[in-house]
Amino acid sequence: MNLIGVVVSLGTLLALSKCAPMESSDAGQDTELLNYESVHGQEMYRFKYETSDGQFREEVGMLVNVGTPEQELMLMGQYGYKNKDGTMVMVMYTSGKKGYRARTVTRNARDADLRMKAFLSLLMG
């Protein structure tokens, strides 16, 4: 397994371990995958998904300084979910030479949607 595959797997496990179960009056209803995108290149990857219950995750990883002793994998992404009251909880993170850094933000649903669209436009081009 290559380095990017290992990091993606570990990142996915880390994100899932941080997700808290949500209380919902819709318990028992199936959650649908609304959007999924995945791109894998030689020295980069990008993926995102969004579910019908308000959960999402998006991440970009790229190798920098390829072929040098300073080669490293840099990650940037975010994941989140909506609380019962509609508040969006988002965790934005980066990982690289300076380690893993995460910041949790809560926003009302309208502000969260605008910020997520702005972040996506920067992240996905």
PDB file of N, CA and C in Angstrom:
ATOM      1  N   MET A   1       0.860  -1.185   0.000  1.00  0.00           N
ATOM      2  CA  MET A   1       0.000   0.000   0.000  1.00  0.00           C
ATOM      3  C   MET A   1       0.898   1.238   0.000  1.00  0.00           C
ATOM      4  N   ASN A   2       0.574   2.216  -0.809  1.00  0.00           N
ATOM      5  CA  ASN A   2       1.420   3.403  -0.887  1.00  0.00           C
ATOM      6  C   ASN A   2       1.129   4.361   0.269  1.00  0.00           C
ATOM      7  N   LEU A   3       1.984   5.354   0.421  1.00  0.00           N
ATOM      8  CA  LEU A   3       1.890   6.307   1.518  1.00  0.00           C
ATOM      9  C   LEU A   3       0.559   7.046   1.529  1.00  0.00           C
ATOM     10  N   ILE A   4       0.098   7.460   0.370  1.00  0.00           N
ATOM     11  CA  ILE A   4      -1.169   8.194   0.304  1.00  0.00           C
ATOM     12  C   ILE A   4      -2.315   7.307   0.774  1.00  0.00           C
ATOM     13  N   GLY A   5      -2.328   6.044   0.362  1.00  0.00           N
ATOM     14  CA  GLY A   5      -3.383   5.124   0.789  1.00  0.00           C
ATOM     15  C   GLY A   5      -3.406   4.934   2.290  1.00  0.00           C
ATOM     16  N   VAL A   6      -2.226   4.820   2.888  1.00  0.00           N
ATOM     17  CA  VAL A   6      -2.134   4.656   4.342  1.00  0.00           C
ATOM     18  C   VAL A   6      -2.667   5.893   5.045  1.00  0.00           C
ATOM     19  N   VAL A   7      -2.262   7.076   4.575  1.00  0.00           N
ATOM     20  CA  VAL A   7      -2.694   8.320   5.215  1.00  0.00           C
ATOM     21  C   VAL A   7      -4.196   8.521   5.060  1.00  0.00           C
ATOM     22  N   VAL A   8      -4.744   8.217   3.889  1.00  0.00           N
ATOM     23  CA  VAL A   8      -6.191   8.344   3.687  1.00  0.00           C
ATOM     24  C   VAL A   8      -6.929   7.412   4.641  1.00  0.00           C
ATOM     25  N   SER A   9      -6.457   6.181   4.765  1.00  0.00           N
ATOM     26  CA  SER A   9      -7.100   5.224   5.671  1.00  0.00           C
ATOM     27  C   SER A   9      -7.044   5.703   7.110  1.00  0.00           C
ATOM     28  N   LEU A  10      -5.871   6.171   7.543  1.00  0.00           N
ATOM     29  CA  LEU A  10      -5.739   6.665   8.915  1.00  0.00           C
ATOM     30  C   LEU A  10      -6.578   7.916   9.142  1.00  0.00           C
ATOM     31  N   GLY A  11      -6.596   8.807   8.156  1.00  0.00           N
ATOM     32  CA  GLY A  11      -7.407  10.019   8.276  1.00  0.00           C
ATOM     33  C   GLY A  11      -8.886   9.708   8.388  1.00  0.00           C
ATOM     34  N   THR A  12      -9.342   8.739   7.614  1.00  0.00           N
ATOM     35  CA  THR A  12     -10.743   8.329   7.668  1.00  0.00           C
ATOM     36  C   THR A  12     -11.081   7.763   9.033  1.00  0.00           C
ATOM     37  N   LEU A  13     -10.221   6.901   9.553  1.00  0.00           N
ATOM     38  CA  LEU A  13     -10.459   6.329  10.879  1.00  0.00           C
ATOM     39  C   LEU A  13     -10.465   7.409  11.953  1.00  0.00           C
ATOM     40  N   LEU A  14      -9.539   8.361  11.862  1.00  0.00           N
ATOM     41  CA  LEU A  14      -9.486   9.448  12.831  1.00  0.00           C
ATOM     42  C   LEU A  14     -10.763  10.280  12.784  1.00  0.00           C
ATOM     43  N   ALA A  15     -11.207  10.630  11.593  1.00  0.00           N
ATOM     44  CA  ALA A  15     -12.428  11.431  11.455  1.00  0.00           C
ATOM     45  C   ALA A  15     -13.636  10.689  12.003  1.00  0.00           C
ATOM     46  N   LEU A  16     -13.738   9.410  11.707  1.00  0.00           N
ATOM     47  CA  LEU A  16     -14.872   8.629  12.202  1.00  0.00           C
ATOM     48  C   LEU A  16     -14.844   8.507  13.720  1.00  0.00           C
ATOM     49  N   SER A  17     -13.652   8.417  14.296  1.00  0.00           N
ATOM     50  CA  SER A  17     -13.566   8.289  15.751  1.00  0.00           C
ATOM     51  C   SER A  17     -13.972   9.577  16.452  1.00  0.00           C
ATOM     52  N   LYS A  18     -13.867  10.716  15.766  1.00  0.00           N
ATOM     53  CA  LYS A  18     -14.227  12.004  16.350  1.00  0.00           C
ATOM     54  C   LYS A  18     -15.705  12.343  16.193  1.00  0.00           C
ATOM     55  N   CYS A  19     -16.394  11.645  15.318  1.00  0.00           N
ATOM     56  CA  CYS A  19     -17.811  11.938  15.064  1.00  0.00           C
ATOM     57  C   CYS A  19     -18.665  11.421  16.211  1.00  0.00           C
ATOM     58  N   ALA A  20     -19.499  12.282  16.724  1.00  0.00           N
ATOM     59  CA  ALA A  20     -20.392  11.893  17.812  1.00  0.00           C
ATOM     60  C   ALA A  20     -21.722  11.431  17.236  1.00  0.00           C
ATOM     61  N   PRO A  21     -22.348  10.444  17.880  1.00  0.00           N
ATOM     62  CA  PRO A  21     -23.668  10.037  17.400  1.00  0.00           C
ATOM     63  C   PRO A  21     -24.653  11.191  17.568  1.00  0.00           C
ATOM     64  N   MET A  22     -25.535  11.323  16.627  1.00  0.00           N
ATOM     65  CA  MET A  22     -26.502  12.406  16.671  1.00  0.00           C
ATOM     66  C   MET A  22     -27.841  11.889  17.155  1.00  0.00           C
ATOM     67  N   GLU A  23     -28.464  12.649  18.044  1.00  0.00           N
ATOM     68  CA  GLU A  23     -29.816  12.313  18.450  1.00  0.00           C
ATOM     69  C   GLU A  23     -30.740  12.829  17.358  1.00  0.00           C
ATOM     70  N   SER A  24     -31.695  12.029  17.004  1.00  0.00           N
ATOM     71  CA  SER A  24     -32.574  12.438  15.921  1.00  0.00           C
ATOM     72  C   SER A  24     -33.957  11.846  16.110  1.00  0.00           C
ATOM     73  N   SER A  25     -34.963  12.627  15.789  1.00  0.00           N
ATOM     74  CA  SER A  25     -36.321  12.096  15.822  1.00  0.00           C
ATOM     75  C   SER A  25     -36.553  11.181  14.625  1.00  0.00           C
ATOM     76  N   ASP A  26     -35.622  11.205  13.666  1.00  0.00           N
ATOM     77  CA  ASP A  26     -35.717  10.365  12.478  1.00  0.00           C
ATOM     78  C   ASP A  26     -34.931   9.069  12.642  1.00  0.00           C
ATOM     79  N   ALA A  27     -34.653   8.674  13.884  1.00  0.00           N
ATOM     80  CA  ALA A  27     -33.878   7.455  14.114  1.00  0.00           C
ATOM     81  C   ALA A  27     -34.545   6.290  13.398  1.00  0.00           C
ATOM     82  N   GLY A  28     -33.744   5.495  12.748  1.00  0.00           N
ATOM     83  CA  GLY A  28     -34.279   4.372  12.003  1.00  0.00           C
ATOM     84  C   GLY A  28     -34.442   4.666  10.527  1.00  0.00           C
ATOM     85  N   GLN A  29     -34.458   5.949  10.157  1.00  0.00           N
ATOM     86  CA  GLN A  29     -34.540   6.299   8.744  1.00  0.00           C
ATOM     87  C   GLN A  29     -33.170   6.104   8.112  1.00  0.00           C
ATOM     88  N   ASP A  30     -33.174   5.652   6.878  1.00  0.00           N
ATOM     89  CA  ASP A  30     -31.919   5.480   6.164  1.00  0.00           C
ATOM     90  C   ASP A  30     -31.362   6.835   5.747  1.00  0.00           C
ATOM     91  N   THR A  31     -30.056   6.956   5.847  1.00  0.00           N
ATOM     92  CA  THR A  31     -29.369   8.148   5.382  1.00  0.00           C
ATOM     93  C   THR A  31     -28.897   7.897   3.961  1.00  0.00           C
ATOM     94  N   GLU A  32     -29.128   8.860   3.093  1.00  0.00           N
ATOM     95  CA  GLU A  32     -28.743   8.710   1.691  1.00  0.00           C
ATOM     96  C   GLU A  32     -27.476   9.501   1.397  1.00  0.00           C
ATOM     97  N   LEU A  33     -26.669   8.961   0.517  1.00  0.00           N
ATOM     98  CA  LEU A  33     -25.492   9.655   0.023  1.00  0.00           C
ATOM     99  C   LEU A  33     -25.947  10.611  -1.074  1.00  0.00           C
ATOM    100  N   LEU A  34     -25.802  11.917  -0.830  1.00  0.00           N
ATOM    101  CA  LEU A  34     -26.265  12.919  -1.789  1.00  0.00           C
ATOM    102  C   LEU A  34     -25.203  13.270  -2.820  1.00  0.00           C
ATOM    103  N   ASN A  35     -23.954  13.247  -2.390  1.00  0.00           N
ATOM    104  CA  ASN A  35     -22.875  13.686  -3.261  1.00  0.00           C
ATOM    105  C   ASN A  35     -21.611  12.924  -2.890  1.00  0.00           C
ATOM    106  N   TYR A  36     -20.883  12.450  -3.880  1.00  0.00           N
ATOM    107  CA  TYR A  36     -19.601  11.786  -3.642  1.00  0.00           C
ATOM    108  C   TYR A  36     -18.688  12.063  -4.822  1.00  0.00           C
ATOM    109  N   GLU A  37     -17.464  12.436  -4.517  1.00  0.00           N
ATOM    110  CA  GLU A  37     -16.467  12.685  -5.555  1.00  0.00           C
ATOM    111  C   GLU A  37     -15.122  12.203  -5.040  1.00  0.00           C
ATOM    112  N   SER A  38     -14.361  11.545  -5.898  1.00  0.00           N
ATOM    113  CA  SER A  38     -13.044  11.047  -5.514  1.00  0.00           C
ATOM    114  C   SER A  38     -12.113  11.123  -6.717  1.00  0.00           C
ATOM    115  N   VAL A  39     -10.961  11.739  -6.519  1.00  0.00           N
ATOM    116  CA  VAL A  39      -9.952  11.867  -7.564  1.00  0.00           C
ATOM    117  C   VAL A  39      -8.625  11.421  -6.974  1.00  0.00           C
ATOM    118  N   HIS A  40      -7.950  10.502  -7.655  1.00  0.00           N
ATOM    119  CA  HIS A  40      -6.642  10.019  -7.196  1.00  0.00           C
ATOM    120  C   HIS A  40      -5.634  10.216  -8.309  1.00  0.00           C
ATOM    121  N   GLY A  41      -4.577  10.956  -8.019  1.00  0.00           N
ATOM    122  CA  GLY A  41      -3.512  11.181  -8.985  1.00  0.00           C
ATOM    123  C   GLY A  41      -2.211  10.575  -8.492  1.00  0.00           C
ATOM    124  N   GLN A  42      -1.171  10.785  -9.249  1.00  0.00           N
ATOM    125  CA  GLN A  42       0.142  10.237  -8.914  1.00  0.00           C
ATOM    126  C   GLN A  42       0.652  10.773  -7.577  1.00  0.00           C
ATOM    127  N   GLU A  43       0.504  12.074  -7.356  1.00  0.00           N
ATOM    128  CA  GLU A  43       1.051  12.694  -6.149  1.00  0.00           C
ATOM    129  C   GLU A  43      -0.005  13.477  -5.376  1.00  0.00           C
ATOM    130  N   MET A  44      -1.280  13.166  -5.604  1.00  0.00           N
ATOM    131  CA  MET A  44      -2.350  13.864  -4.887  1.00  0.00           C
ATOM    132  C   MET A  44      -3.617  13.026  -4.878  1.00  0.00           C
ATOM    133  N   TYR A  45      -4.529  13.395  -3.992  1.00  0.00           N
ATOM    134  CA  TYR A  45      -5.873  12.824  -3.992  1.00  0.00           C
ATOM    135  C   TYR A  45      -6.828  13.889  -3.481  1.00  0.00           C
ATOM    136  N   ARG A  46      -8.092  13.699  -3.785  1.00  0.00           N
ATOM    137  CA  ARG A  46      -9.133  14.622  -3.330  1.00  0.00           C
ATOM    138  C   ARG A  46     -10.419  13.824  -3.238  1.00  0.00           C
ATOM    139  N   PHE A  47     -11.169  14.012  -2.162  1.00  0.00           N
ATOM    140  CA  PHE A  47     -12.481  13.381  -2.087  1.00  0.00           C
ATOM    141  C   PHE A  47     -13.418  14.229  -1.251  1.00  0.00           C
ATOM    142  N   LYS A  48     -14.698  13.999  -1.461  1.00  0.00           N
ATOM    143  CA  LYS A  48     -15.717  14.664  -0.654  1.00  0.00           C
ATOM    144  C   LYS A  48     -16.991  13.847  -0.725  1.00  0.00           C
ATOM    145  N   TYR A  49     -17.799  13.971   0.322  1.00  0.00           N
ATOM    146  CA  TYR A  49     -19.129  13.372   0.303  1.00  0.00           C
ATOM    147  C   TYR A  49     -20.056  14.180   1.189  1.00  0.00           C
ATOM    148  N   GLU A  50     -21.343  14.015   0.953  1.00  0.00           N
ATOM    149  CA  GLU A  50     -22.378  14.677   1.742  1.00  0.00           C
ATOM    150  C   GLU A  50     -23.552  13.718   1.851  1.00  0.00           C
ATOM    151  N   THR A  51     -24.148  13.629   3.046  1.00  0.00           N
ATOM    152  CA  THR A  51     -25.276  12.730   3.254  1.00  0.00           C
ATOM    153  C   THR A  51     -26.545  13.525   3.543  1.00  0.00           C
ATOM    154  N   SER A  52     -27.677  12.850   3.447  1.00  0.00           N
ATOM    155  CA  SER A  52     -28.976  13.512   3.610  1.00  0.00           C
ATOM    156  C   SER A  52     -29.230  14.000   5.029  1.00  0.00           C
ATOM    157  N   ASP A  53     -28.491  13.494   6.012  1.00  0.00           N
ATOM    158  CA  ASP A  53     -28.687  13.958   7.390  1.00  0.00           C
ATOM    159  C   ASP A  53     -27.752  15.108   7.768  1.00  0.00           C
ATOM    160  N   GLY A  54     -27.062  15.688   6.783  1.00  0.00           N
ATOM    161  CA  GLY A  54     -26.237  16.864   7.036  1.00  0.00           C
ATOM    162  C   GLY A  54     -24.770  16.586   7.294  1.00  0.00           C
ATOM    163  N   GLN A  55     -24.360  15.339   7.293  1.00  0.00           N
ATOM    164  CA  GLN A  55     -22.943  15.030   7.485  1.00  0.00           C
ATOM    165  C   GLN A  55     -22.191  15.272   6.181  1.00  0.00           C
ATOM    166  N   PHE A  56     -20.920  15.659   6.316  1.00  0.00           N
ATOM    167  CA  PHE A  56     -20.082  15.822   5.130  1.00  0.00           C
ATOM    168  C   PHE A  56     -18.618  15.644   5.515  1.00  0.00           C
ATOM    169  N   ARG A  57     -17.815  15.390   4.517  1.00  0.00           N
ATOM    170  CA  ARG A  57     -16.369  15.343   4.693  1.00  0.00           C
ATOM    171  C   ARG A  57     -15.738  15.658   3.354  1.00  0.00           C
ATOM    172  N   GLU A  58     -14.641  16.395   3.396  1.00  0.00           N
ATOM    173  CA  GLU A  58     -13.875  16.692   2.201  1.00  0.00           C
ATOM    174  C   GLU A  58     -12.409  16.813   2.584  1.00  0.00           C
ATOM    175  N   GLU A  59     -11.543  16.332   1.693  1.00  0.00           N
ATOM    176  CA  GLU A  59     -10.122  16.322   2.008  1.00  0.00           C
ATOM    177  C   GLU A  59      -9.304  16.355   0.725  1.00  0.00           C
ATOM    178  N   VAL A  60      -8.165  17.037   0.798  1.00  0.00           N
ATOM    179  CA  VAL A  60      -7.183  17.072  -0.277  1.00  0.00           C
ATOM    180  C   VAL A  60      -5.845  16.689   0.334  1.00  0.00           C
ATOM    181  N   GLY A  61      -5.120  15.816  -0.336  1.00  0.00           N
ATOM    182  CA  GLY A  61      -3.779  15.440   0.103  1.00  0.00           C
ATOM    183  C   GLY A  61      -2.832  15.513  -1.075  1.00  0.00           C
ATOM    184  N   MET A  62      -1.612  15.993  -0.818  1.00  0.00           N
ATOM    185  CA  MET A  62      -0.640  16.063  -1.905  1.00  0.00           C
ATOM    186  C   MET A  62       0.767  15.859  -1.372  1.00  0.00           C
ATOM    187  N   LEU A  63       1.577  15.201  -2.184  1.00  0.00           N
ATOM    188  CA  LEU A  63       2.989  15.052  -1.864  1.00  0.00           C
ATOM    189  C   LEU A  63       3.702  16.328  -2.282  1.00  0.00           C
ATOM    190  N   VAL A  64       4.552  16.849  -1.403  1.00  0.00           N
ATOM    191  CA  VAL A  64       5.351  18.027  -1.734  1.00  0.00           C
ATOM    192  C   VAL A  64       6.821  17.666  -1.597  1.00  0.00           C
ATOM    193  N   ASN A  65       7.658  18.393  -2.286  1.00  0.00           N
ATOM    194  CA  ASN A  65       9.102  18.134  -2.308  1.00  0.00           C
ATOM    195  C   ASN A  65       9.398  16.699  -2.726  1.00  0.00           C
ATOM    196  N   VAL A  66       8.687  16.239  -3.749  1.00  0.00           N
ATOM    197  CA  VAL A  66       8.792  14.855  -4.207  1.00  0.00           C
ATOM    198  C   VAL A  66      10.227  14.539  -4.633  1.00  0.00           C
ATOM    199  N   GLY A  67      10.708  13.385  -4.182  1.00  0.00           N
ATOM    200  CA  GLY A  67      12.036  12.920  -4.562  1.00  0.00           C
ATOM    201  C   GLY A  67      13.175  13.536  -3.789  1.00  0.00           C
ATOM    202  N   THR A  68      12.849  14.322  -2.764  1.00  0.00           N
ATOM    203  CA  THR A  68      13.890  14.926  -1.932  1.00  0.00           C
ATOM    204  C   THR A  68      13.768  14.378  -0.514  1.00  0.00           C
ATOM    205  N   PRO A  69      14.788  14.581   0.309  1.00  0.00           N
ATOM    206  CA  PRO A  69      14.687  14.143   1.708  1.00  0.00           C
ATOM    207  C   PRO A  69      13.563  14.849   2.476  1.00  0.00           C
ATOM    208  N   GLU A  70      13.102  15.989   1.956  1.00  0.00           N
ATOM    209  CA  GLU A  70      12.027  16.750   2.615  1.00  0.00           C
ATOM    210  C   GLU A  70      10.642  16.347   2.119  1.00  0.00           C
ATOM    211  N   GLN A  71      10.542  15.268   1.352  1.00  0.00           N
ATOM    212  CA  GLN A  71       9.238  14.844   0.830  1.00  0.00           C
ATOM    213  C   GLN A  71       8.275  14.592   1.983  1.00  0.00           C
ATOM    214  N   GLU A  72       7.052  15.080   1.836  1.00  0.00           N
ATOM    215  CA  GLU A  72       6.028  14.866   2.854  1.00  0.00           C
ATOM    216  C   GLU A  72       4.644  14.918   2.222  1.00  0.00           C
ATOM    217  N   LEU A  73       3.692  14.357   2.920  1.00  0.00           N
ATOM    218  CA  LEU A  73       2.298  14.410   2.503  1.00  0.00           C
ATOM    219  C   LEU A  73       1.610  15.503   3.301  1.00  0.00           C
ATOM    220  N   MET A  74       0.997  16.456   2.614  1.00  0.00           N
ATOM    221  CA  MET A  74       0.252  17.523   3.271  1.00  0.00           C
ATOM    222  C   MET A  74      -1.230  17.280   3.045  1.00  0.00           C
ATOM    223  N   LEU A  75      -2.026  17.464   4.097  1.00  0.00           N
ATOM    224  CA  LEU A  75      -3.474  17.268   4.043  1.00  0.00           C
ATOM    225  C   LEU A  75      -4.185  18.546   4.452  1.00  0.00           C
ATOM    226  N   MET A  76      -5.372  18.736   3.884  1.00  0.00           N
ATOM    227  CA  MET A  76      -6.245  19.826   4.288  1.00  0.00           C
ATOM    228  C   MET A  76      -7.671  19.345   4.079  1.00  0.00           C
ATOM    229  N   GLY A  77      -8.531  19.586   5.046  1.00  0.00           N
ATOM    230  CA  GLY A  77      -9.907  19.157   4.868  1.00  0.00           C
ATOM    231  C   GLY A  77     -10.815  19.618   5.986  1.00  0.00           C
ATOM    232  N   GLN A  78     -12.032  19.119   5.930  1.00  0.00           N
ATOM    233  CA  GLN A  78     -13.014  19.402   6.971  1.00  0.00           C
ATOM    234  C   GLN A  78     -14.080  18.321   6.960  1.00  0.00           C
ATOM    235  N   TYR A  79     -14.724  18.166   8.102  1.00  0.00           N
ATOM    236  CA  TYR A  79     -15.889  17.288   8.199  1.00  0.00           C
ATOM    237  C   TYR A  79     -16.862  17.931   9.161  1.00  0.00           C
ATOM    238  N   GLY A  80     -18.126  17.517   9.105  1.00  0.00           N
ATOM    239  CA  GLY A  80     -19.099  18.124   9.984  1.00  0.00           C
ATOM    240  C   GLY A  80     -20.450  17.447   9.929  1.00  0.00           C
ATOM    241  N   TYR A  81     -21.331  17.976  10.760  1.00  0.00           N
ATOM    242  CA  TYR A  81     -22.690  17.447  10.874  1.00  0.00           C
ATOM    243  C   TYR A  81     -23.590  18.533  11.448  1.00  0.00           C
ATOM    244  N   LYS A  82     -24.899  18.354  11.296  1.00  0.00           N
ATOM    245  CA  LYS A  82     -25.873  19.288  11.853  1.00  0.00           C
ATOM    246  C   LYS A  82     -26.434  18.724  13.144  1.00  0.00           C
ATOM    247  N   ASN A  83     -26.478  19.584  14.168  1.00  0.00           N
ATOM    248  CA  ASN A  83     -27.121  19.206  15.427  1.00  0.00           C
ATOM    249  C   ASN A  83     -28.631  19.166  15.244  1.00  0.00           C
ATOM    250  N   LYS A  84     -29.314  18.680  16.274  1.00  0.00           N
ATOM    251  CA  LYS A  84     -30.777  18.597  16.253  1.00  0.00           C
ATOM    252  C   LYS A  84     -31.419  19.973  16.029  1.00  0.00           C
ATOM    253  N   ASP A  85     -30.782  21.029  16.567  1.00  0.00           N
ATOM    254  CA  ASP A  85     -31.327  22.385  16.424  1.00  0.00           C
ATOM    255  C   ASP A  85     -30.915  23.067  15.115  1.00  0.00           C
ATOM    256  N   GLY A  86     -30.213  22.348  14.244  1.00  0.00           N
ATOM    257  CA  GLY A  86     -29.813  22.902  12.956  1.00  0.00           C
ATOM    258  C   GLY A  86     -28.448  23.560  12.951  1.00  0.00           C
ATOM    259  N   THR A  87     -27.803  23.627  14.118  1.00  0.00           N
ATOM    260  CA  THR A  87     -26.466  24.195  14.188  1.00  0.00           C
ATOM    261  C   THR A  87     -25.477  23.267  13.495  1.00  0.00           C
ATOM    262  N   MET A  88     -24.635  23.829  12.658  1.00  0.00           N
ATOM    263  CA  MET A  88     -23.617  23.052  11.960  1.00  0.00           C
ATOM    264  C   MET A  88     -22.345  23.020  12.806  1.00  0.00           C
ATOM    265  N   VAL A  89     -21.835  21.837  13.052  1.00  0.00           N
ATOM    266  CA  VAL A  89     -20.563  21.649  13.742  1.00  0.00           C
ATOM    267  C   VAL A  89     -19.557  21.227  12.678  1.00  0.00           C
ATOM    268  N   MET A  90     -18.478  21.998  12.535  1.00  0.00           N
ATOM    269  CA  MET A  90     -17.472  21.709  11.515  1.00  0.00           C
ATOM    270  C   MET A  90     -16.096  21.612  12.157  1.00  0.00           C
ATOM    271  N   VAL A  91     -15.327  20.645  11.710  1.00  0.00           N
ATOM    272  CA  VAL A  91     -13.940  20.507  12.132  1.00  0.00           C
ATOM    273  C   VAL A  91     -13.086  20.691  10.887  1.00  0.00           C
ATOM    274  N   MET A  92     -12.269  21.731  10.889  1.00  0.00           N
ATOM    275  CA  MET A  92     -11.354  21.987   9.781  1.00  0.00           C
ATOM    276  C   MET A  92      -9.963  21.575  10.237  1.00  0.00           C
ATOM    277  N   TYR A  93      -9.219  20.897   9.372  1.00  0.00           N
ATOM    278  CA  TYR A  93      -7.921  20.379   9.795  1.00  0.00           C
ATOM    279  C   TYR A  93      -6.881  20.468   8.691  1.00  0.00           C
ATOM    280  N   THR A  94      -5.624  20.496   9.133  1.00  0.00           N
ATOM    281  CA  THR A  94      -4.467  20.398   8.246  1.00  0.00           C
ATOM    282  C   THR A  94      -3.488  19.436   8.898  1.00  0.00           C
ATOM    283  N   SER A  95      -2.653  18.851   8.085  1.00  0.00           N
ATOM    284  CA  SER A  95      -1.622  17.960   8.597  1.00  0.00           C
ATOM    285  C   SER A  95      -0.423  18.061   7.676  1.00  0.00           C
ATOM    286  N   GLY A  96       0.740  18.116   8.273  1.00  0.00           N
ATOM    287  CA  GLY A  96       1.966  18.229   7.488  1.00  0.00           C
ATOM    288  C   GLY A  96       3.162  18.242   8.405  1.00  0.00           C
ATOM    289  N   LYS A  97       4.171  18.987   8.005  1.00  0.00           N
ATOM    290  CA  LYS A  97       5.425  19.049   8.748  1.00  0.00           C
ATOM    291  C   LYS A  97       5.214  19.480  10.202  1.00  0.00           C
ATOM    292  N   LYS A  98       4.247  20.336  10.441  1.00  0.00           N
ATOM    293  CA  LYS A  98       3.995  20.841  11.793  1.00  0.00           C
ATOM    294  C   LYS A  98       2.989  19.996  12.565  1.00  0.00           C
ATOM    295  N   GLY A  99       2.622  18.822  12.041  1.00  0.00           N
ATOM    296  CA  GLY A  99       1.703  17.926  12.735  1.00  0.00           C
ATOM    297  C   GLY A  99       0.256  18.143  12.326  1.00  0.00           C
ATOM    298  N   TYR A 100      -0.639  17.502  13.065  1.00  0.00           N
ATOM    299  CA  TYR A 100      -2.078  17.570  12.810  1.00  0.00           C
ATOM    300  C   TYR A 100      -2.646  18.731  13.602  1.00  0.00           C
ATOM    301  N   ARG A 101      -3.376  19.602  12.928  1.00  0.00           N
ATOM    302  CA  ARG A 101      -4.005  20.748  13.586  1.00  0.00           C
ATOM    303  C   ARG A 101      -5.470  20.790  13.191  1.00  0.00           C
ATOM    304  N   ALA A 102      -6.329  20.892  14.189  1.00  0.00           N
ATOM    305  CA  ALA A 102      -7.776  20.912  13.930  1.00  0.00           C
ATOM    306  C   ALA A 102      -8.406  22.081  14.668  1.00  0.00           C
ATOM    307  N   ARG A 103      -9.477  22.595  14.084  1.00  0.00           N
ATOM    308  CA  ARG A 103     -10.232  23.672  14.710  1.00  0.00           C
ATOM    309  C   ARG A 103     -11.708  23.361  14.538  1.00  0.00           C
ATOM    310  N   THR A 104     -12.451  23.390  15.629  1.00  0.00           N
ATOM    311  CA  THR A 104     -13.886  23.117  15.597  1.00  0.00           C
ATOM    312  C   THR A 104     -14.646  24.436  15.632  1.00  0.00           C
ATOM    313  N   VAL A 105     -15.635  24.544  14.767  1.00  0.00           N
ATOM    314  CA  VAL A 105     -16.439  25.757  14.655  1.00  0.00           C
ATOM    315  C   VAL A 105     -17.903  25.349  14.626  1.00  0.00           C
ATOM    316  N   THR A 106     -18.759  26.122  15.287  1.00  0.00           N
ATOM    317  CA  THR A 106     -20.204  25.905  15.179  1.00  0.00           C
ATOM    318  C   THR A 106     -20.824  27.148  14.552  1.00  0.00           C
ATOM    319  N   ARG A 107     -21.778  26.937  13.692  1.00  0.00           N
ATOM    320  CA  ARG A 107     -22.445  28.036  12.990  1.00  0.00           C
ATOM    321  C   ARG A 107     -23.918  27.689  12.824  1.00  0.00           C
ATOM    322  N   ASN A 108     -24.744  28.742  12.731  1.00  0.00           N
ATOM    323  CA  ASN A 108     -26.131  28.445  12.391  1.00  0.00           C
ATOM    324  C   ASN A 108     -26.152  27.931  10.956  1.00  0.00           C
ATOM    325  N   ALA A 109     -27.189  27.261  10.574  1.00  0.00           N
ATOM    326  CA  ALA A 109     -27.234  26.542   9.298  1.00  0.00           C
ATOM    327  C   ALA A 109     -26.982  27.449   8.092  1.00  0.00           C
ATOM    328  N   ARG A 110     -27.543  28.648   8.067  1.00  0.00           N
ATOM    329  CA  ARG A 110     -27.381  29.543   6.912  1.00  0.00           C
ATOM    330  C   ARG A 110     -25.926  29.960   6.744  1.00  0.00           C
ATOM    331  N   ASP A 111     -25.288  30.420   7.845  1.00  0.00           N
ATOM    332  CA  ASP A 111     -23.885  30.824   7.774  1.00  0.00           C
ATOM    333  C   ASP A 111     -22.989  29.650   7.403  1.00  0.00           C
ATOM    334  N   ALA A 112     -23.307  28.472   7.937  1.00  0.00           N
ATOM    335  CA  ALA A 112     -22.498  27.283   7.654  1.00  0.00           C
ATOM    336  C   ALA A 112     -22.543  26.929   6.174  1.00  0.00           C
ATOM    337  N   ASP A 113     -23.725  27.020   5.558  1.00  0.00           N
ATOM    338  CA  ASP A 113     -23.842  26.700   4.134  1.00  0.00           C
ATOM    339  C   ASP A 113     -23.017  27.664   3.285  1.00  0.00           C
ATOM    340  N   LEU A 114     -23.051  28.959   3.619  1.00  0.00           N
ATOM    341  CA  LEU A 114     -22.274  29.940   2.867  1.00  0.00           C
ATOM    342  C   LEU A 114     -20.780  29.693   3.027  1.00  0.00           C
ATOM    343  N   ARG A 115     -20.333  29.424   4.252  1.00  0.00           N
ATOM    344  CA  ARG A 115     -18.911  29.180   4.490  1.00  0.00           C
ATOM    345  C   ARG A 115     -18.446  27.892   3.823  1.00  0.00           C
ATOM    346  N   MET A 116     -19.296  26.862   3.848  1.00  0.00           N
ATOM    347  CA  MET A 116     -18.911  25.605   3.225  1.00  0.00           C
ATOM    348  C   MET A 116     -18.768  25.798   1.713  1.00  0.00           C
ATOM    349  N   LYS A 117     -19.669  26.541   1.090  1.00  0.00           N
ATOM    350  CA  LYS A 117     -19.567  26.790  -0.350  1.00  0.00           C
ATOM    351  C   LYS A 117     -18.294  27.569  -0.673  1.00  0.00           C
ATOM    352  N   ALA A 118     -17.950  28.546   0.155  1.00  0.00           N
ATOM    353  CA  ALA A 118     -16.720  29.310  -0.067  1.00  0.00           C
ATOM    354  C   ALA A 118     -15.494  28.417   0.094  1.00  0.00           C
ATOM    355  N   PHE A 119     -15.491  27.583   1.131  1.00  0.00           N
ATOM    356  CA  PHE A 119     -14.370  26.668   1.364  1.00  0.00           C
ATOM    357  C   PHE A 119     -14.230  25.696   0.202  1.00  0.00           C
ATOM    358  N   LEU A 120     -15.353  25.147  -0.263  1.00  0.00           N
ATOM    359  CA  LEU A 120     -15.317  24.203  -1.381  1.00  0.00           C
ATOM    360  C   LEU A 120     -14.767  24.851  -2.644  1.00  0.00           C
ATOM    361  N   SER A 121     -15.149  26.106  -2.892  1.00  0.00           N
ATOM    362  CA  SER A 121     -14.662  26.764  -4.103  1.00  0.00           C
ATOM    363  C   SER A 121     -13.153  26.960  -4.043  1.00  0.00           C
ATOM    364  N   LEU A 122     -12.604  27.223  -2.858  1.00  0.00           N
ATOM    365  CA  LEU A 122     -11.155  27.347  -2.710  1.00  0.00           C
ATOM    366  C   LEU A 122     -10.474  25.988  -2.786  1.00  0.00           C
ATOM    367  N   LEU A 123     -11.063  25.003  -2.144  1.00  0.00           N
ATOM    368  CA  LEU A 123     -10.465  23.676  -2.049  1.00  0.00           C
ATOM    369  C   LEU A 123     -10.503  22.930  -3.370  1.00  0.00           C
ATOM    370  N   MET A 124     -11.631  22.984  -4.053  1.00  0.00           N
ATOM    371  CA  MET A 124     -11.821  22.177  -5.254  1.00  0.00           C
ATOM    372  C   MET A 124     -11.554  22.944  -6.552  1.00  0.00           C
ATOM    373  N   GLY A 125     -11.320  24.229  -6.437  1.00  0.00           N
ATOM    374  CA  GLY A 125     -10.964  24.990  -7.640  1.00  0.00           C
ATOM    375  C   GLY A 125     -12.098  25.482  -8.442  1.00  0.00           C
TER     376      GLY A 125
END
